[in-house]
Amino acid sequence: ANVMKGYYQRPADTAAVIRDGWLHTGDLGHLDAEGYLFITGRLKEILVLPNGKKINPEEIEAKLMAWPGLQEVAVLQDRDVLHAVAVPDLAWLGGQGIVNIEQWLRWNVLDRYNRQAAPSKRLHGFSVVREGLPRTRLGKLKRHELSALLAPPTERTGPVEEPASECYGLLRDYLAEAAGRRVRPEDHIE
């Protein structure tokens, strides 16, 4: 009762957030052993992968920002896999003498993160943008606008031709047996 009685003339919206006298904000969090509350994200920002795994993008973003070279980063779901949009810290990278920013980010941030991440939380791609990420007046990410920053997917005119190497054939056959289905060059490993 001390928070609000409901939304003005919107009973359906009120019923969705006030249940049994409690305001359901959509925040996610946990209590530690000493009873302190930690807010870890928002329910509406959880990404649900095709395999049913639920991923909190803010958790991944915080881990990525622990490495130098990034000014901002956002994680989104793109074509059923996790993808990062990164704004490099050009001043820091320039001070280190790093010229090929994409390669440096791929091997020193993305690859290092993926080696320690759970398989469902691994990033399968990233895009580098030069300008800041879209944000609200309060500084929150506009996640619904992130996909516009990605390059459009390349159009395929037909099936991808399989490499003729023996190594490719062995790998294809092994993966087909493990997956229990035909494997094509354009298939994603996950």
C-alpha atoms as a PDB file:
ATOM      1  CA  ALA A   1       0.000   0.000   0.000  1.00  0.00           C
ATOM      2  CA  ASN A   2       2.907   2.380   0.546  1.00  0.00           C
ATOM      3  CA  VAL A   3       4.206   1.938  -3.025  1.00  0.00           C
ATOM      4  CA  MET A   4       1.105   2.480  -5.151  1.00  0.00           C
ATOM      5  CA  LYS A   5      -2.480   1.317  -5.399  1.00  0.00           C
ATOM      6  CA  GLY A   6      -2.209   0.598  -9.106  1.00  0.00           C
ATOM      7  CA  TYR A   7      -2.054   2.176 -12.524  1.00  0.00           C
ATOM      8  CA  TYR A   8      -4.634   4.893 -13.162  1.00  0.00           C
ATOM      9  CA  GLN A   9      -7.622   3.417 -15.066  1.00  0.00           C
ATOM     10  CA  ARG A  10      -5.579   0.361 -16.137  1.00  0.00           C
ATOM     11  CA  PRO A  11      -6.856  -2.584 -14.074  1.00  0.00           C
ATOM     12  CA  ALA A  12      -5.247  -5.263 -16.286  1.00  0.00           C
ATOM     13  CA  ASP A  13      -1.798  -3.684 -15.930  1.00  0.00           C
ATOM     14  CA  THR A  14      -2.344  -3.289 -12.186  1.00  0.00           C
ATOM     15  CA  ALA A  15      -3.321  -6.965 -11.827  1.00  0.00           C
ATOM     16  CA  ALA A  16      -0.168  -7.977 -13.719  1.00  0.00           C
ATOM     17  CA  VAL A  17       2.203  -6.237 -11.290  1.00  0.00           C
ATOM     18  CA  ILE A  18       0.346  -6.239  -7.957  1.00  0.00           C
ATOM     19  CA  ARG A  19      -0.366  -9.777  -6.793  1.00  0.00           C
ATOM     20  CA  ASP A  20      -1.346 -10.716  -3.246  1.00  0.00           C
ATOM     21  CA  GLY A  21      -0.514  -7.188  -2.130  1.00  0.00           C
ATOM     22  CA  TRP A  22       3.064  -7.306  -3.454  1.00  0.00           C
ATOM     23  CA  LEU A  23       4.512  -5.158  -6.256  1.00  0.00           C
ATOM     24  CA  HIS A  24       6.253  -7.414  -8.771  1.00  0.00           C
ATOM     25  CA  THR A  25       8.846  -5.133 -10.363  1.00  0.00           C
ATOM     26  CA  GLY A  26      10.448  -7.650 -12.709  1.00  0.00           C
ATOM     27  CA  ASP A  27      13.833  -7.240 -11.031  1.00  0.00           C
ATOM     28  CA  LEU A  28      15.979 -10.342 -10.548  1.00  0.00           C
ATOM     29  CA  GLY A  29      18.252 -10.771  -7.572  1.00  0.00           C
ATOM     30  CA  HIS A  30      19.388 -12.869  -4.662  1.00  0.00           C
ATOM     31  CA  LEU A  31      19.973 -12.622  -0.939  1.00  0.00           C
ATOM     32  CA  ASP A  32      23.449 -13.418   0.379  1.00  0.00           C
ATOM     33  CA  ALA A  33      24.206 -15.313   3.604  1.00  0.00           C
ATOM     34  CA  GLU A  34      24.017 -12.074   5.612  1.00  0.00           C
ATOM     35  CA  GLY A  35      20.612 -11.110   4.195  1.00  0.00           C
ATOM     36  CA  TYR A  36      21.816  -8.410   1.774  1.00  0.00           C
ATOM     37  CA  LEU A  37      19.798  -8.099  -1.427  1.00  0.00           C
ATOM     38  CA  PHE A  38      21.664  -7.965  -4.745  1.00  0.00           C
ATOM     39  CA  ILE A  39      19.794  -6.898  -7.899  1.00  0.00           C
ATOM     40  CA  THR A  40      21.242  -8.818 -10.850  1.00  0.00           C
ATOM     41  CA  GLY A  41      19.012  -7.873 -13.778  1.00  0.00           C
ATOM     42  CA  ARG A  42      15.518  -7.555 -15.165  1.00  0.00           C
ATOM     43  CA  LEU A  43      13.151 -10.390 -16.041  1.00  0.00           C
ATOM     44  CA  LYS A  44      12.138  -8.725 -19.326  1.00  0.00           C
ATOM     45  CA  GLU A  45      15.774  -8.672 -20.508  1.00  0.00           C
ATOM     46  CA  ILE A  46      16.370 -12.427 -20.117  1.00  0.00           C
ATOM     47  CA  LEU A  47      17.256 -14.098 -23.427  1.00  0.00           C
ATOM     48  CA  VAL A  48      15.762 -17.537 -24.099  1.00  0.00           C
ATOM     49  CA  LEU A  49      17.878 -19.621 -26.475  1.00  0.00           C
ATOM     50  CA  PRO A  50      16.370 -22.294 -28.767  1.00  0.00           C
ATOM     51  CA  ASN A  51      17.634 -25.002 -26.396  1.00  0.00           C
ATOM     52  CA  GLY A  52      15.561 -23.439 -23.574  1.00  0.00           C
ATOM     53  CA  LYS A  53      18.507 -21.941 -21.671  1.00  0.00           C
ATOM     54  CA  LYS A  54      17.733 -18.598 -20.049  1.00  0.00           C
ATOM     55  CA  ILE A  55      20.584 -16.103 -20.202  1.00  0.00           C
ATOM     56  CA  ASN A  56      20.968 -12.822 -18.330  1.00  0.00           C
ATOM     57  CA  PRO A  57      22.867 -10.565 -20.779  1.00  0.00           C
ATOM     58  CA  GLU A  58      23.932  -8.149 -18.021  1.00  0.00           C
ATOM     59  CA  GLU A  59      25.913 -10.936 -16.336  1.00  0.00           C
ATOM     60  CA  ILE A  60      27.899 -11.575 -19.541  1.00  0.00           C
ATOM     61  CA  GLU A  61      28.368  -7.848 -20.173  1.00  0.00           C
ATOM     62  CA  ALA A  62      29.847  -7.352 -16.690  1.00  0.00           C
ATOM     63  CA  LYS A  63      32.352 -10.152 -17.288  1.00  0.00           C
ATOM     64  CA  LEU A  64      33.369  -8.731 -20.670  1.00  0.00           C
ATOM     65  CA  MET A  65      33.850  -5.252 -19.225  1.00  0.00           C
ATOM     66  CA  ALA A  66      36.371  -6.671 -16.747  1.00  0.00           C
ATOM     67  CA  TRP A  67      38.938  -6.801 -19.578  1.00  0.00           C
ATOM     68  CA  PRO A  68      40.507  -3.610 -20.901  1.00  0.00           C
ATOM     69  CA  GLY A  69      39.887  -2.404 -24.426  1.00  0.00           C
ATOM     70  CA  LEU A  70      36.121  -1.975 -24.213  1.00  0.00           C
ATOM     71  CA  GLN A  71      34.265   1.247 -23.584  1.00  0.00           C
ATOM     72  CA  GLU A  72      30.805  -0.361 -23.808  1.00  0.00           C
ATOM     73  CA  VAL A  73      29.400  -3.779 -24.627  1.00  0.00           C
ATOM     74  CA  ALA A  74      25.939  -5.258 -25.042  1.00  0.00           C
ATOM     75  CA  VAL A  75      24.844  -8.877 -25.533  1.00  0.00           C
ATOM     76  CA  LEU A  76      21.867  -9.878 -27.645  1.00  0.00           C
ATOM     77  CA  GLN A  77      20.448 -12.921 -29.357  1.00  0.00           C
ATOM     78  CA  ASP A  78      21.094 -12.960 -33.097  1.00  0.00           C
ATOM     79  CA  ARG A  79      19.921 -15.851 -35.269  1.00  0.00           C
ATOM     80  CA  ASP A  80      19.528 -18.147 -32.241  1.00  0.00           C
ATOM     81  CA  VAL A  81      23.024 -17.544 -30.783  1.00  0.00           C
ATOM     82  CA  LEU A  82      24.541 -14.982 -28.431  1.00  0.00           C
ATOM     83  CA  HIS A  83      26.244 -12.017 -30.047  1.00  0.00           C
ATOM     84  CA  ALA A  84      28.106  -9.052 -28.546  1.00  0.00           C
ATOM     85  CA  VAL A  85      28.101  -5.480 -29.812  1.00  0.00           C
ATOM     86  CA  ALA A  86      31.274  -3.761 -28.640  1.00  0.00           C
ATOM     87  CA  VAL A  87      32.365  -0.136 -28.553  1.00  0.00           C
ATOM     88  CA  PRO A  88      36.164  -0.220 -28.315  1.00  0.00           C
ATOM     89  CA  ASP A  89      38.111   2.084 -26.029  1.00  0.00           C
ATOM     90  CA  LEU A  90      40.099   3.692 -28.841  1.00  0.00           C
ATOM     91  CA  ALA A  91      42.274   5.788 -26.518  1.00  0.00           C
ATOM     92  CA  TRP A  92      43.384   2.737 -24.518  1.00  0.00           C
ATOM     93  CA  LEU A  93      43.894   0.557 -27.606  1.00  0.00           C
ATOM     94  CA  GLY A  94      45.859   3.315 -29.345  1.00  0.00           C
ATOM     95  CA  GLY A  95      48.039   3.757 -26.260  1.00  0.00           C
ATOM     96  CA  GLN A  96      48.854   0.036 -26.423  1.00  0.00           C
ATOM     97  CA  GLY A  97      49.788   0.284 -30.111  1.00  0.00           C
ATOM     98  CA  ILE A  98      46.931  -1.977 -31.182  1.00  0.00           C
ATOM     99  CA  VAL A  99      46.011  -1.364 -34.813  1.00  0.00           C
ATOM    100  CA  ASN A 100      43.755  -4.302 -35.730  1.00  0.00           C
ATOM    101  CA  ILE A 101      41.001  -3.688 -33.185  1.00  0.00           C
ATOM    102  CA  GLU A 102      38.657  -6.476 -34.299  1.00  0.00           C
ATOM    103  CA  GLN A 103      41.354  -9.163 -34.153  1.00  0.00           C
ATOM    104  CA  TRP A 104      42.581  -7.935 -30.785  1.00  0.00           C
ATOM    105  CA  LEU A 105      39.042  -7.965 -29.337  1.00  0.00           C
ATOM    106  CA  ARG A 106      38.352 -11.398 -30.829  1.00  0.00           C
ATOM    107  CA  TRP A 107      41.403 -13.033 -29.215  1.00  0.00           C
ATOM    108  CA  ASN A 108      41.888 -10.969 -26.051  1.00  0.00           C
ATOM    109  CA  VAL A 109      38.311 -10.453 -24.936  1.00  0.00           C
ATOM    110  CA  LEU A 110      35.863 -12.737 -26.750  1.00  0.00           C
ATOM    111  CA  ASP A 111      38.046 -15.851 -26.846  1.00  0.00           C
ATOM    112  CA  ARG A 112      39.228 -15.387 -23.248  1.00  0.00           C
ATOM    113  CA  TYR A 113      35.623 -14.983 -22.079  1.00  0.00           C
ATOM    114  CA  ASN A 114      34.426 -18.024 -24.052  1.00  0.00           C
ATOM    115  CA  ARG A 115      37.157 -20.266 -22.597  1.00  0.00           C
ATOM    116  CA  GLN A 116      35.840 -19.730 -19.059  1.00  0.00           C
ATOM    117  CA  ALA A 117      32.095 -19.433 -19.851  1.00  0.00           C
ATOM    118  CA  ALA A 118      29.513 -22.204 -19.649  1.00  0.00           C
ATOM    119  CA  PRO A 119      28.670 -23.559 -23.131  1.00  0.00           C
ATOM    120  CA  SER A 120      25.212 -21.946 -23.125  1.00  0.00           C
ATOM    121  CA  LYS A 121      26.725 -18.525 -22.299  1.00  0.00           C
ATOM    122  CA  ARG A 122      29.403 -18.502 -24.993  1.00  0.00           C
ATOM    123  CA  LEU A 123      29.361 -15.750 -27.580  1.00  0.00           C
ATOM    124  CA  HIS A 124      29.281 -16.899 -31.191  1.00  0.00           C
ATOM    125  CA  GLY A 125      29.938 -13.553 -32.775  1.00  0.00           C
ATOM    126  CA  PHE A 126      30.584  -9.905 -32.168  1.00  0.00           C
ATOM    127  CA  SER A 127      30.282  -6.606 -33.969  1.00  0.00           C
ATOM    128  CA  VAL A 128      32.400  -3.527 -33.408  1.00  0.00           C
ATOM    129  CA  VAL A 129      30.703  -0.142 -33.583  1.00  0.00           C
ATOM    130  CA  ARG A 130      32.433   3.213 -33.253  1.00  0.00           C
ATOM    131  CA  GLU A 131      29.617   5.268 -31.744  1.00  0.00           C
ATOM    132  CA  GLY A 132      28.008   4.674 -28.362  1.00  0.00           C
ATOM    133  CA  LEU A 133      25.254   2.147 -27.822  1.00  0.00           C
ATOM    134  CA  PRO A 134      21.636   3.389 -27.855  1.00  0.00           C
ATOM    135  CA  ARG A 135      20.555   4.466 -24.384  1.00  0.00           C
ATOM    136  CA  THR A 136      17.591   6.089 -22.674  1.00  0.00           C
ATOM    137  CA  ARG A 137      17.793   9.467 -20.944  1.00  0.00           C
ATOM    138  CA  LEU A 138      18.538   7.543 -17.736  1.00  0.00           C
ATOM    139  CA  GLY A 139      21.473   5.701 -19.335  1.00  0.00           C
ATOM    140  CA  LYS A 140      19.804   2.287 -19.687  1.00  0.00           C
ATOM    141  CA  LEU A 141      20.471   0.248 -22.813  1.00  0.00           C
ATOM    142  CA  LYS A 142      17.757   0.276 -25.456  1.00  0.00           C
ATOM    143  CA  ARG A 143      18.094  -3.456 -26.106  1.00  0.00           C
ATOM    144  CA  HIS A 144      15.374  -3.457 -28.754  1.00  0.00           C
ATOM    145  CA  GLU A 145      17.579  -1.186 -30.925  1.00  0.00           C
ATOM    146  CA  LEU A 146      20.758  -3.272 -30.731  1.00  0.00           C
ATOM    147  CA  SER A 147      19.945  -5.564 -33.651  1.00  0.00           C
ATOM    148  CA  ALA A 148      19.939  -2.529 -35.971  1.00  0.00           C
ATOM    149  CA  LEU A 149      23.680  -2.157 -35.263  1.00  0.00           C
ATOM    150  CA  LEU A 150      24.453  -5.598 -36.694  1.00  0.00           C
ATOM    151  CA  ALA A 151      25.481  -6.097 -40.288  1.00  0.00           C
ATOM    152  CA  PRO A 152      22.681  -7.674 -42.335  1.00  0.00           C
ATOM    153  CA  PRO A 153      23.110 -11.423 -42.846  1.00  0.00           C
ATOM    154  CA  THR A 154      24.664 -12.378 -46.147  1.00  0.00           C
ATOM    155  CA  GLU A 155      22.246 -13.825 -48.662  1.00  0.00           C
ATOM    156  CA  ARG A 156      23.006 -17.320 -49.872  1.00  0.00           C
ATOM    157  CA  THR A 157      22.198 -18.129 -53.462  1.00  0.00           C
ATOM    158  CA  GLY A 158      22.425 -21.858 -52.905  1.00  0.00           C
ATOM    159  CA  PRO A 159      23.941 -24.517 -50.680  1.00  0.00           C
ATOM    160  CA  VAL A 160      27.484 -23.979 -49.453  1.00  0.00           C
ATOM    161  CA  GLU A 161      29.945 -26.230 -51.266  1.00  0.00           C
ATOM    162  CA  GLU A 162      31.618 -28.778 -48.997  1.00  0.00           C
ATOM    163  CA  PRO A 163      35.417 -28.634 -48.818  1.00  0.00           C
ATOM    164  CA  ALA A 164      37.123 -31.608 -50.458  1.00  0.00           C
ATOM    165  CA  SER A 165      39.747 -32.126 -47.726  1.00  0.00           C
ATOM    166  CA  GLU A 166      40.022 -35.422 -45.877  1.00  0.00           C
ATOM    167  CA  CYS A 167      40.116 -33.559 -42.542  1.00  0.00           C
ATOM    168  CA  TYR A 168      36.772 -31.893 -43.280  1.00  0.00           C
ATOM    169  CA  GLY A 169      35.229 -35.253 -44.213  1.00  0.00           C
ATOM    170  CA  LEU A 170      36.379 -36.888 -40.981  1.00  0.00           C
ATOM    171  CA  LEU A 171      35.078 -34.010 -38.886  1.00  0.00           C
ATOM    172  CA  ARG A 172      31.741 -33.919 -40.766  1.00  0.00           C
ATOM    173  CA  ASP A 173      31.221 -37.666 -40.327  1.00  0.00           C
ATOM    174  CA  TYR A 174      32.083 -37.523 -36.621  1.00  0.00           C
ATOM    175  CA  LEU A 175      29.691 -34.621 -35.984  1.00  0.00           C
ATOM    176  CA  ALA A 176      26.925 -36.272 -38.031  1.00  0.00           C
ATOM    177  CA  GLU A 177      27.230 -39.446 -35.959  1.00  0.00           C
ATOM    178  CA  ALA A 178      27.284 -37.504 -32.675  1.00  0.00           C
ATOM    179  CA  ALA A 179      24.302 -35.331 -33.679  1.00  0.00           C
ATOM    180  CA  GLY A 180      22.354 -38.141 -35.286  1.00  0.00           C
ATOM    181  CA  ARG A 181      21.654 -36.083 -38.404  1.00  0.00           C
ATOM    182  CA  ARG A 182      23.241 -34.791 -41.599  1.00  0.00           C
ATOM    183  CA  VAL A 183      25.798 -32.004 -41.087  1.00  0.00           C
ATOM    184  CA  ARG A 184      26.308 -29.222 -43.630  1.00  0.00           C
ATOM    185  CA  PRO A 185      29.132 -26.632 -43.822  1.00  0.00           C
ATOM    186  CA  GLU A 186      26.786 -23.782 -42.876  1.00  0.00           C
ATOM    187  CA  ASP A 187      25.562 -25.537 -39.697  1.00  0.00           C
ATOM    188  CA  HIS A 188      26.492 -24.032 -36.363  1.00  0.00           C
ATOM    189  CA  ILE A 189      28.472 -26.270 -34.018  1.00  0.00           C
ATOM    190  CA  GLU A 190      25.966 -25.810 -31.189  1.00  0.00           C
END
